[in-house]
Amino acid sequence: MLSFRLVLAIGVDYGIYVVLVWQKTRHIEHDVAGVVKPVLLAGLTAVSGFGSLAIARNPALTGLGIPCAIGIFWSLVATIFFTLPAMAAAKPKPVHSASADTTL
């Protein structure tokens, strides 16, 4: 049960980072390398860290490491191949300035 929570928390963070970068720039198709590189490095670091628990002698650590490594890997794949294209395909909402919204 702990591995599910860890995978969910870490996997959601990758998607949140992609969405936040998209909201800031609104041109994610031009900044894909700037988004993919940190997400990919963070994901591969987490996968290798949890994957290294597979060689532990303690069965509890092995049982935690393998599902976490697999789950984080698939979260990373989903973020790169689904979230990035979805953000690139989404139409940005018009941004209203504060002065245009005020009426007297």
PDB file of N, CA and C in Angstrom:
ATOM      1  N   MET A   1       0.824  -1.191   0.000  1.00  0.00           N
ATOM      2  CA  MET A   1       0.000   0.000   0.000  1.00  0.00           C
ATOM      3  C   MET A   1       0.874   1.263   0.000  1.00  0.00           C
ATOM      4  N   LEU A   2       2.022   1.175   0.635  1.00  0.00           N
ATOM      5  CA  LEU A   2       2.917   2.329   0.672  1.00  0.00           C
ATOM      6  C   LEU A   2       3.472   2.632  -0.706  1.00  0.00           C
ATOM      7  N   SER A   3       3.741   1.599  -1.498  1.00  0.00           N
ATOM      8  CA  SER A   3       4.297   1.833  -2.831  1.00  0.00           C
ATOM      9  C   SER A   3       3.296   2.568  -3.712  1.00  0.00           C
ATOM     10  N   PHE A   4       2.007   2.280  -3.582  1.00  0.00           N
ATOM     11  CA  PHE A   4       0.996   2.993  -4.359  1.00  0.00           C
ATOM     12  C   PHE A   4       0.999   4.477  -4.027  1.00  0.00           C
ATOM     13  N   ARG A   5       1.085   4.800  -2.764  1.00  0.00           N
ATOM     14  CA  ARG A   5       1.106   6.217  -2.353  1.00  0.00           C
ATOM     15  C   ARG A   5       2.341   6.936  -2.869  1.00  0.00           C
ATOM     16  N   LEU A   6       3.476   6.278  -2.795  1.00  0.00           N
ATOM     17  CA  LEU A   6       4.713   6.888  -3.287  1.00  0.00           C
ATOM     18  C   LEU A   6       4.668   7.121  -4.792  1.00  0.00           C
ATOM     19  N   VAL A   7       4.214   6.112  -5.526  1.00  0.00           N
ATOM     20  CA  VAL A   7       4.130   6.244  -6.984  1.00  0.00           C
ATOM     21  C   VAL A   7       3.139   7.333  -7.362  1.00  0.00           C
ATOM     22  N   LEU A   8       2.020   7.378  -6.685  1.00  0.00           N
ATOM     23  CA  LEU A   8       1.022   8.404  -6.968  1.00  0.00           C
ATOM     24  C   LEU A   8       1.573   9.801  -6.696  1.00  0.00           C
ATOM     25  N   ALA A   9       2.229   9.980  -5.577  1.00  0.00           N
ATOM     26  CA  ALA A   9       2.767  11.293  -5.221  1.00  0.00           C
ATOM     27  C   ALA A   9       3.867  11.728  -6.178  1.00  0.00           C
ATOM     28  N   ILE A  10       4.773  10.839  -6.494  1.00  0.00           N
ATOM     29  CA  ILE A  10       5.883  11.193  -7.379  1.00  0.00           C
ATOM     30  C   ILE A  10       5.388  11.380  -8.804  1.00  0.00           C
ATOM     31  N   GLY A  11       4.509  10.520  -9.267  1.00  0.00           N
ATOM     32  CA  GLY A  11       3.987  10.617 -10.626  1.00  0.00           C
ATOM     33  C   GLY A  11       3.178  11.879 -10.865  1.00  0.00           C
ATOM     34  N   VAL A  12       2.406  12.279  -9.889  1.00  0.00           N
ATOM     35  CA  VAL A  12       1.615  13.507 -10.022  1.00  0.00           C
ATOM     36  C   VAL A  12       2.529  14.726 -10.081  1.00  0.00           C
ATOM     37  N   ASP A  13       3.628  14.687  -9.379  1.00  0.00           N
ATOM     38  CA  ASP A  13       4.561  15.814  -9.406  1.00  0.00           C
ATOM     39  C   ASP A  13       5.101  16.091 -10.803  1.00  0.00           C
ATOM     40  N   TYR A  14       5.353  15.048 -11.567  1.00  0.00           N
ATOM     41  CA  TYR A  14       5.859  15.249 -12.933  1.00  0.00           C
ATOM     42  C   TYR A  14       4.825  15.973 -13.780  1.00  0.00           C
ATOM     43  N   GLY A  15       3.588  15.552 -13.684  1.00  0.00           N
ATOM     44  CA  GLY A  15       2.522  16.217 -14.434  1.00  0.00           C
ATOM     45  C   GLY A  15       2.300  17.644 -13.990  1.00  0.00           C
ATOM     46  N   ILE A  16       2.389  17.894 -12.698  1.00  0.00           N
ATOM     47  CA  ILE A  16       2.218  19.257 -12.187  1.00  0.00           C
ATOM     48  C   ILE A  16       3.314  20.162 -12.713  1.00  0.00           C
ATOM     49  N   TYR A  17       4.526  19.666 -12.755  1.00  0.00           N
ATOM     50  CA  TYR A  17       5.637  20.469 -13.265  1.00  0.00           C
ATOM     51  C   TYR A  17       5.417  20.829 -14.731  1.00  0.00           C
ATOM     52  N   VAL A  18       4.975  19.868 -15.524  1.00  0.00           N
ATOM     53  CA  VAL A  18       4.722  20.127 -16.941  1.00  0.00           C
ATOM     54  C   VAL A  18       3.619  21.159 -17.113  1.00  0.00           C
ATOM     55  N   VAL A  19       2.546  21.031 -16.350  1.00  0.00           N
ATOM     56  CA  VAL A  19       1.429  21.983 -16.459  1.00  0.00           C
ATOM     57  C   VAL A  19       1.856  23.373 -16.005  1.00  0.00           C
ATOM     58  N   LEU A  20       2.631  23.469 -14.950  1.00  0.00           N
ATOM     59  CA  LEU A  20       3.079  24.786 -14.478  1.00  0.00           C
ATOM     60  C   LEU A  20       3.980  25.473 -15.492  1.00  0.00           C
ATOM     61  N   VAL A  21       4.866  24.718 -16.127  1.00  0.00           N
ATOM     62  CA  VAL A  21       5.715  25.312 -17.165  1.00  0.00           C
ATOM     63  C   VAL A  21       4.859  25.769 -18.337  1.00  0.00           C
ATOM     64  N   TRP A  22       3.865  24.975 -18.693  1.00  0.00           N
ATOM     65  CA  TRP A  22       2.981  25.357 -19.790  1.00  0.00           C
ATOM     66  C   TRP A  22       2.195  26.620 -19.455  1.00  0.00           C
ATOM     67  N   GLN A  23       1.733  26.737 -18.227  1.00  0.00           N
ATOM     68  CA  GLN A  23       0.986  27.932 -17.833  1.00  0.00           C
ATOM     69  C   GLN A  23       1.866  29.174 -17.852  1.00  0.00           C
ATOM     70  N   LYS A  24       3.143  29.015 -17.520  1.00  0.00           N
ATOM     71  CA  LYS A  24       4.049  30.168 -17.531  1.00  0.00           C
ATOM     72  C   LYS A  24       4.386  30.616 -18.942  1.00  0.00           C
ATOM     73  N   THR A  25       4.716  29.668 -19.809  1.00  0.00           N
ATOM     74  CA  THR A  25       5.217  30.040 -21.134  1.00  0.00           C
ATOM     75  C   THR A  25       4.136  30.063 -22.197  1.00  0.00           C
ATOM     76  N   ARG A  26       3.157  29.204 -22.115  1.00  0.00           N
ATOM     77  CA  ARG A  26       2.109  29.035 -23.118  1.00  0.00           C
ATOM     78  C   ARG A  26       2.653  28.582 -24.467  1.00  0.00           C
ATOM     79  N   HIS A  27       3.942  28.278 -24.536  1.00  0.00           N
ATOM     80  CA  HIS A  27       4.553  27.794 -25.768  1.00  0.00           C
ATOM     81  C   HIS A  27       5.368  26.551 -25.444  1.00  0.00           C
ATOM     82  N   ILE A  28       4.719  25.521 -24.942  1.00  0.00           N
ATOM     83  CA  ILE A  28       5.449  24.338 -24.507  1.00  0.00           C
ATOM     84  C   ILE A  28       6.085  23.615 -25.682  1.00  0.00           C
ATOM     85  N   GLU A  29       5.518  23.779 -26.888  1.00  0.00           N
ATOM     86  CA  GLU A  29       6.122  23.103 -28.029  1.00  0.00           C
ATOM     87  C   GLU A  29       7.495  23.668 -28.363  1.00  0.00           C
ATOM     88  N   HIS A  30       7.763  24.906 -27.952  1.00  0.00           N
ATOM     89  CA  HIS A  30       9.079  25.501 -28.184  1.00  0.00           C
ATOM     90  C   HIS A  30      10.043  25.217 -27.035  1.00  0.00           C
ATOM     91  N   ASP A  31       9.519  24.813 -25.904  1.00  0.00           N
ATOM     92  CA  ASP A  31      10.354  24.598 -24.729  1.00  0.00           C
ATOM     93  C   ASP A  31      10.291  23.149 -24.253  1.00  0.00           C
ATOM     94  N   VAL A  32      10.102  22.223 -25.171  1.00  0.00           N
ATOM     95  CA  VAL A  32       9.972  20.815 -24.800  1.00  0.00           C
ATOM     96  C   VAL A  32      11.249  20.301 -24.148  1.00  0.00           C
ATOM     97  N   ALA A  33      12.399  20.674 -24.687  1.00  0.00           N
ATOM     98  CA  ALA A  33      13.664  20.208 -24.105  1.00  0.00           C
ATOM     99  C   ALA A  33      13.839  20.734 -22.684  1.00  0.00           C
ATOM    100  N   GLY A  34      13.402  21.948 -22.441  1.00  0.00           N
ATOM    101  CA  GLY A  34      13.506  22.518 -21.103  1.00  0.00           C
ATOM    102  C   GLY A  34      12.580  21.869 -20.102  1.00  0.00           C
ATOM    103  N   VAL A  35      11.542  21.185 -20.582  1.00  0.00           N
ATOM    104  CA  VAL A  35      10.608  20.494 -19.698  1.00  0.00           C
ATOM    105  C   VAL A  35      10.977  19.020 -19.563  1.00  0.00           C
ATOM    106  N   VAL A  36      11.325  18.409 -20.685  1.00  0.00           N
ATOM    107  CA  VAL A  36      11.579  16.966 -20.678  1.00  0.00           C
ATOM    108  C   VAL A  36      12.845  16.621 -19.904  1.00  0.00           C
ATOM    109  N   LYS A  37      13.872  17.423 -20.058  1.00  0.00           N
ATOM    110  CA  LYS A  37      15.153  17.101 -19.419  1.00  0.00           C
ATOM    111  C   LYS A  37      15.055  16.997 -17.896  1.00  0.00           C
ATOM    112  N   PRO A  38      14.505  17.998 -17.185  1.00  0.00           N
ATOM    113  CA  PRO A  38      14.422  17.849 -15.721  1.00  0.00           C
ATOM    114  C   PRO A  38      13.469  16.736 -15.287  1.00  0.00           C
ATOM    115  N   VAL A  39      12.349  16.583 -15.995  1.00  0.00           N
ATOM    116  CA  VAL A  39      11.399  15.532 -15.628  1.00  0.00           C
ATOM    117  C   VAL A  39      12.024  14.162 -15.861  1.00  0.00           C
ATOM    118  N   LEU A  40      12.706  13.997 -16.983  1.00  0.00           N
ATOM    119  CA  LEU A  40      13.348  12.726 -17.291  1.00  0.00           C
ATOM    120  C   LEU A  40      14.462  12.401 -16.304  1.00  0.00           C
ATOM    121  N   LEU A  41      15.280  13.384 -15.966  1.00  0.00           N
ATOM    122  CA  LEU A  41      16.359  13.138 -15.002  1.00  0.00           C
ATOM    123  C   LEU A  41      15.813  12.810 -13.615  1.00  0.00           C
ATOM    124  N   ALA A  42      14.790  13.543 -13.188  1.00  0.00           N
ATOM    125  CA  ALA A  42      14.196  13.253 -11.876  1.00  0.00           C
ATOM    126  C   ALA A  42      13.560  11.869 -11.864  1.00  0.00           C
ATOM    127  N   GLY A  43      12.878  11.521 -12.939  1.00  0.00           N
ATOM    128  CA  GLY A  43      12.229  10.220 -13.015  1.00  0.00           C
ATOM    129  C   GLY A  43      13.217   9.070 -13.043  1.00  0.00           C
ATOM    130  N   LEU A  44      14.253   9.209 -13.856  1.00  0.00           N
ATOM    131  CA  LEU A  44      15.242   8.137 -13.934  1.00  0.00           C
ATOM    132  C   LEU A  44      16.030   7.993 -12.635  1.00  0.00           C
ATOM    133  N   THR A  45      16.244   9.103 -11.953  1.00  0.00           N
ATOM    134  CA  THR A  45      16.900   9.035 -10.647  1.00  0.00           C
ATOM    135  C   THR A  45      16.037   8.276  -9.643  1.00  0.00           C
ATOM    136  N   ALA A  46      14.744   8.578  -9.635  1.00  0.00           N
ATOM    137  CA  ALA A  46      13.838   7.871  -8.714  1.00  0.00           C
ATOM    138  C   ALA A  46      13.727   6.398  -9.079  1.00  0.00           C
ATOM    139  N   VAL A  47      13.644   6.094 -10.371  1.00  0.00           N
ATOM    140  CA  VAL A  47      13.559   4.695 -10.807  1.00  0.00           C
ATOM    141  C   VAL A  47      14.818   3.930 -10.412  1.00  0.00           C
ATOM    142  N   SER A  48      15.977   4.533 -10.627  1.00  0.00           N
ATOM    143  CA  SER A  48      17.215   3.832 -10.262  1.00  0.00           C
ATOM    144  C   SER A  48      17.351   3.694  -8.749  1.00  0.00           C
ATOM    145  N   GLY A  49      16.914   4.692  -8.011  1.00  0.00           N
ATOM    146  CA  GLY A  49      16.988   4.609  -6.552  1.00  0.00           C
ATOM    147  C   GLY A  49      16.088   3.516  -5.990  1.00  0.00           C
ATOM    148  N   PHE A  50      14.836   3.500  -6.441  1.00  0.00           N
ATOM    149  CA  PHE A  50      13.936   2.447  -5.968  1.00  0.00           C
ATOM    150  C   PHE A  50      14.310   1.094  -6.571  1.00  0.00           C
ATOM    151  N   GLY A  51      14.807   1.098  -7.795  1.00  0.00           N
ATOM    152  CA  GLY A  51      15.227  -0.153  -8.422  1.00  0.00           C
ATOM    153  C   GLY A  51      16.402  -0.792  -7.711  1.00  0.00           C
ATOM    154  N   SER A  52      17.246   0.023  -7.127  1.00  0.00           N
ATOM    155  CA  SER A  52      18.386  -0.536  -6.392  1.00  0.00           C
ATOM    156  C   SER A  52      17.936  -1.282  -5.144  1.00  0.00           C
ATOM    157  N   LEU A  53      16.729  -1.022  -4.682  1.00  0.00           N
ATOM    158  CA  LEU A  53      16.207  -1.775  -3.538  1.00  0.00           C
ATOM    159  C   LEU A  53      15.886  -3.218  -3.915  1.00  0.00           C
ATOM    160  N   ALA A  54      15.840  -3.514  -5.203  1.00  0.00           N
ATOM    161  CA  ALA A  54      15.544  -4.879  -5.640  1.00  0.00           C
ATOM    162  C   ALA A  54      16.631  -5.860  -5.224  1.00  0.00           C
ATOM    163  N   ILE A  55      17.845  -5.374  -5.032  1.00  0.00           N
ATOM    164  CA  ILE A  55      18.938  -6.278  -4.644  1.00  0.00           C
ATOM    165  C   ILE A  55      19.134  -6.331  -3.131  1.00  0.00           C
ATOM    166  N   ALA A  56      18.236  -5.698  -2.399  1.00  0.00           N
ATOM    167  CA  ALA A  56      18.343  -5.722  -0.936  1.00  0.00           C
ATOM    168  C   ALA A  56      18.037  -7.129  -0.420  1.00  0.00           C
ATOM    169  N   ARG A  57      18.638  -7.456   0.686  1.00  0.00           N
ATOM    170  CA  ARG A  57      18.410  -8.769   1.290  1.00  0.00           C
ATOM    171  C   ARG A  57      17.114  -8.813   2.090  1.00  0.00           C
ATOM    172  N   ASN A  58      16.605  -7.660   2.423  1.00  0.00           N
ATOM    173  CA  ASN A  58      15.367  -7.571   3.180  1.00  0.00           C
ATOM    174  C   ASN A  58      14.186  -7.674   2.213  1.00  0.00           C
ATOM    175  N   PRO A  59      13.309  -8.661   2.395  1.00  0.00           N
ATOM    176  CA  PRO A  59      12.188  -8.815   1.467  1.00  0.00           C
ATOM    177  C   PRO A  59      11.216  -7.630   1.472  1.00  0.00           C
ATOM    178  N   ALA A  60      11.112  -6.939   2.589  1.00  0.00           N
ATOM    179  CA  ALA A  60      10.225  -5.782   2.648  1.00  0.00           C
ATOM    180  C   ALA A  60      10.743  -4.657   1.756  1.00  0.00           C
ATOM    181  N   LEU A  61      12.046  -4.445   1.769  1.00  0.00           N
ATOM    182  CA  LEU A  61      12.625  -3.417   0.906  1.00  0.00           C
ATOM    183  C   LEU A  61      12.527  -3.803  -0.563  1.00  0.00           C
ATOM    184  N   THR A  62      12.739  -5.060  -0.849  1.00  0.00           N
ATOM    185  CA  THR A  62      12.602  -5.535  -2.225  1.00  0.00           C
ATOM    186  C   THR A  62      11.163  -5.379  -2.703  1.00  0.00           C
ATOM    187  N   GLY A  63      10.238  -5.713  -1.832  1.00  0.00           N
ATOM    188  CA  GLY A  63       8.820  -5.585  -2.160  1.00  0.00           C
ATOM    189  C   GLY A  63       8.371  -4.145  -2.317  1.00  0.00           C
ATOM    190  N   LEU A  64       9.077  -3.221  -1.727  1.00  0.00           N
ATOM    191  CA  LEU A  64       8.771  -1.801  -1.898  1.00  0.00           C
ATOM    192  C   LEU A  64       9.466  -1.240  -3.129  1.00  0.00           C
ATOM    193  N   GLY A  65      10.697  -1.643  -3.357  1.00  0.00           N
ATOM    194  CA  GLY A  65      11.492  -1.052  -4.432  1.00  0.00           C
ATOM    195  C   GLY A  65      11.021  -1.406  -5.824  1.00  0.00           C
ATOM    196  N   ILE A  66      10.703  -2.664  -6.049  1.00  0.00           N
ATOM    197  CA  ILE A  66      10.325  -3.098  -7.397  1.00  0.00           C
ATOM    198  C   ILE A  66       9.011  -2.454  -7.857  1.00  0.00           C
ATOM    199  N   PRO A  67       7.931  -2.496  -7.074  1.00  0.00           N
ATOM    200  CA  PRO A  67       6.696  -1.833  -7.539  1.00  0.00           C
ATOM    201  C   PRO A  67       6.858  -0.323  -7.700  1.00  0.00           C
ATOM    202  N   CYS A  68       7.632   0.293  -6.823  1.00  0.00           N
ATOM    203  CA  CYS A  68       7.846   1.738  -6.945  1.00  0.00           C
ATOM    204  C   CYS A  68       8.623   2.076  -8.213  1.00  0.00           C
ATOM    205  N   ALA A  69       9.650   1.312  -8.514  1.00  0.00           N
ATOM    206  CA  ALA A  69      10.443   1.561  -9.724  1.00  0.00           C
ATOM    207  C   ALA A  69       9.591   1.381 -10.975  1.00  0.00           C
ATOM    208  N   ILE A  70       8.787   0.339 -11.016  1.00  0.00           N
ATOM    209  CA  ILE A  70       7.928   0.097 -12.180  1.00  0.00           C
ATOM    210  C   ILE A  70       6.857   1.187 -12.293  1.00  0.00           C
ATOM    211  N   GLY A  71       6.244   1.529 -11.187  1.00  0.00           N
ATOM    212  CA  GLY A  71       5.194   2.548 -11.205  1.00  0.00           C
ATOM    213  C   GLY A  71       5.709   3.929 -11.587  1.00  0.00           C
ATOM    214  N   ILE A  72       6.864   4.300 -11.063  1.00  0.00           N
ATOM    215  CA  ILE A  72       7.438   5.603 -11.397  1.00  0.00           C
ATOM    216  C   ILE A  72       7.865   5.633 -12.858  1.00  0.00           C
ATOM    217  N   PHE A  73       8.386   4.519 -13.357  1.00  0.00           N
ATOM    218  CA  PHE A  73       8.746   4.462 -14.777  1.00  0.00           C
ATOM    219  C   PHE A  73       7.524   4.715 -15.652  1.00  0.00           C
ATOM    220  N   TRP A  74       6.404   4.057 -15.358  1.00  0.00           N
ATOM    221  CA  TRP A  74       5.212   4.240 -16.175  1.00  0.00           C
ATOM    222  C   TRP A  74       4.590   5.621 -15.975  1.00  0.00           C
ATOM    223  N   SER A  75       4.739   6.199 -14.800  1.00  0.00           N
ATOM    224  CA  SER A  75       4.289   7.585 -14.591  1.00  0.00           C
ATOM    225  C   SER A  75       5.111   8.541 -15.444  1.00  0.00           C
ATOM    226  N   LEU A  76       6.393   8.284 -15.526  1.00  0.00           N
ATOM    227  CA  LEU A  76       7.282   9.095 -16.350  1.00  0.00           C
ATOM    228  C   LEU A  76       6.919   8.970 -17.827  1.00  0.00           C
ATOM    229  N   VAL A  77       6.668   7.750 -18.266  1.00  0.00           N
ATOM    230  CA  VAL A  77       6.257   7.529 -19.657  1.00  0.00           C
ATOM    231  C   VAL A  77       4.934   8.250 -19.948  1.00  0.00           C
ATOM    232  N   ALA A  78       3.987   8.151 -19.030  1.00  0.00           N
ATOM    233  CA  ALA A  78       2.693   8.815 -19.225  1.00  0.00           C
ATOM    234  C   ALA A  78       2.840  10.328 -19.271  1.00  0.00           C
ATOM    235  N   THR A  79       3.713  10.869 -18.441  1.00  0.00           N
ATOM    236  CA  THR A  79       3.915  12.315 -18.443  1.00  0.00           C
ATOM    237  C   THR A  79       4.514  12.783 -19.760  1.00  0.00           C
ATOM    238  N   ILE A  80       5.506  12.071 -20.242  1.00  0.00           N
ATOM    239  CA  ILE A  80       6.194  12.505 -21.461  1.00  0.00           C
ATOM    240  C   ILE A  80       5.325  12.277 -22.697  1.00  0.00           C
ATOM    241  N   PHE A  81       4.640  11.141 -22.777  1.00  0.00           N
ATOM    242  CA  PHE A  81       3.918  10.807 -23.996  1.00  0.00           C
ATOM    243  C   PHE A  81       2.440  11.186 -23.986  1.00  0.00           C
ATOM    244  N   PHE A  82       1.887  11.566 -22.837  1.00  0.00           N
ATOM    245  CA  PHE A  82       0.480  11.959 -22.798  1.00  0.00           C
ATOM    246  C   PHE A  82       0.277  13.390 -22.318  1.00  0.00           C
ATOM    247  N   THR A  83       0.924  13.761 -21.218  1.00  0.00           N
ATOM    248  CA  THR A  83       0.712  15.096 -20.669  1.00  0.00           C
ATOM    249  C   THR A  83       1.320  16.175 -21.552  1.00  0.00           C
ATOM    250  N   LEU A  84       2.548  15.975 -22.027  1.00  0.00           N
ATOM    251  CA  LEU A  84       3.173  16.975 -22.901  1.00  0.00           C
ATOM    252  C   LEU A  84       2.380  17.191 -24.185  1.00  0.00           C
ATOM    253  N   PRO A  85       1.981  16.145 -24.919  1.00  0.00           N
ATOM    254  CA  PRO A  85       1.173  16.397 -26.113  1.00  0.00           C
ATOM    255  C   PRO A  85      -0.189  17.008 -25.803  1.00  0.00           C
ATOM    256  N   ALA A  86      -0.778  16.636 -24.670  1.00  0.00           N
ATOM    257  CA  ALA A  86      -2.069  17.220 -24.305  1.00  0.00           C
ATOM    258  C   ALA A  86      -1.932  18.715 -24.031  1.00  0.00           C
ATOM    259  N   MET A  87      -0.869  19.105 -23.364  1.00  0.00           N
ATOM    260  CA  MET A  87      -0.651  20.528 -23.104  1.00  0.00           C
ATOM    261  C   MET A  87      -0.332  21.280 -24.399  1.00  0.00           C
ATOM    262  N   ALA A  88       0.395  20.656 -25.298  1.00  0.00           N
ATOM    263  CA  ALA A  88       0.730  21.307 -26.567  1.00  0.00           C
ATOM    264  C   ALA A  88      -0.511  21.461 -27.444  1.00  0.00           C
ATOM    265  N   ALA A  89      -1.440  20.508 -27.350  1.00  0.00           N
ATOM    266  CA  ALA A  89      -2.639  20.555 -28.173  1.00  0.00           C
ATOM    267  C   ALA A  89      -3.737  21.433 -27.584  1.00  0.00           C
ATOM    268  N   ALA A  90      -3.667  21.698 -26.292  1.00  0.00           N
ATOM    269  CA  ALA A  90      -4.706  22.489 -25.631  1.00  0.00           C
ATOM    270  C   ALA A  90      -4.627  23.934 -26.063  1.00  0.00           C
ATOM    271  N   LYS A  91      -5.791  24.525 -26.237  1.00  0.00           N
ATOM    272  CA  LYS A  91      -5.833  25.946 -26.583  1.00  0.00           C
ATOM    273  C   LYS A  91      -5.637  26.759 -25.307  1.00  0.00           C
ATOM    274  N   PRO A  92      -4.732  27.710 -25.327  1.00  0.00           N
ATOM    275  CA  PRO A  92      -4.561  28.540 -24.133  1.00  0.00           C
ATOM    276  C   PRO A  92      -5.752  29.466 -23.942  1.00  0.00           C
ATOM    277  N   LYS A  93      -6.124  29.657 -22.707  1.00  0.00           N
ATOM    278  CA  LYS A  93      -7.222  30.574 -22.392  1.00  0.00           C
ATOM    279  C   LYS A  93      -6.706  31.998 -22.497  1.00  0.00           C
ATOM    280  N   PRO A  94      -7.550  32.910 -22.929  1.00  0.00           N
ATOM    281  CA  PRO A  94      -7.092  34.302 -23.016  1.00  0.00           C
ATOM    282  C   PRO A  94      -6.808  34.864 -21.630  1.00  0.00           C
ATOM    283  N   VAL A  95      -5.737  35.617 -21.553  1.00  0.00           N
ATOM    284  CA  VAL A  95      -5.331  36.215 -20.290  1.00  0.00           C
ATOM    285  C   VAL A  95      -5.890  37.626 -20.236  1.00  0.00           C
ATOM    286  N   HIS A  96      -6.627  37.914 -19.164  1.00  0.00           N
ATOM    287  CA  HIS A  96      -7.206  39.237 -18.991  1.00  0.00           C
ATOM    288  C   HIS A  96      -6.305  40.063 -18.099  1.00  0.00           C
ATOM    289  N   SER A  97      -6.120  41.305 -18.453  1.00  0.00           N
ATOM    290  CA  SER A  97      -5.330  42.178 -17.598  1.00  0.00           C
ATOM    291  C   SER A  97      -6.190  42.705 -16.473  1.00  0.00           C
ATOM    292  N   ALA A  98      -5.565  43.092 -15.404  1.00  0.00           N
ATOM    293  CA  ALA A  98      -6.293  43.580 -14.233  1.00  0.00           C
ATOM    294  C   ALA A  98      -6.986  44.900 -14.520  1.00  0.00           C
ATOM    295  N   SER A  99      -6.402  45.746 -15.359  1.00  0.00           N
ATOM    296  CA  SER A  99      -7.003  47.045 -15.643  1.00  0.00           C
ATOM    297  C   SER A  99      -8.248  46.905 -16.512  1.00  0.00           C
ATOM    298  N   ALA A 100      -8.327  45.864 -17.325  1.00  0.00           N
ATOM    299  CA  ALA A 100      -9.495  45.685 -18.192  1.00  0.00           C
ATOM    300  C   ALA A 100     -10.678  45.143 -17.419  1.00  0.00           C
ATOM    301  N   ASP A 101     -10.468  44.494 -16.297  1.00  0.00           N
ATOM    302  CA  ASP A 101     -11.546  43.915 -15.537  1.00  0.00           C
ATOM    303  C   ASP A 101     -12.213  44.889 -14.583  1.00  0.00           C
ATOM    304  N   THR A 102     -11.591  46.003 -14.309  1.00  0.00           N
ATOM    305  CA  THR A 102     -12.158  46.939 -13.344  1.00  0.00           C
ATOM    306  C   THR A 102     -13.145  47.854 -14.052  1.00  0.00           C
ATOM    307  N   THR A 103     -14.303  47.964 -13.468  1.00  0.00           N
ATOM    308  CA  THR A 103     -15.332  48.863 -13.994  1.00  0.00           C
ATOM    309  C   THR A 103     -15.751  49.813 -12.886  1.00  0.00           C
ATOM    310  N   LEU A 104     -16.075  51.003 -13.270  1.00  0.00           N
ATOM    311  CA  LEU A 104     -16.483  52.006 -12.278  1.00  0.00           C
ATOM    312  C   LEU A 104     -17.949  52.196 -12.248  1.00  0.00           C
TER     313      LEU A 104
END
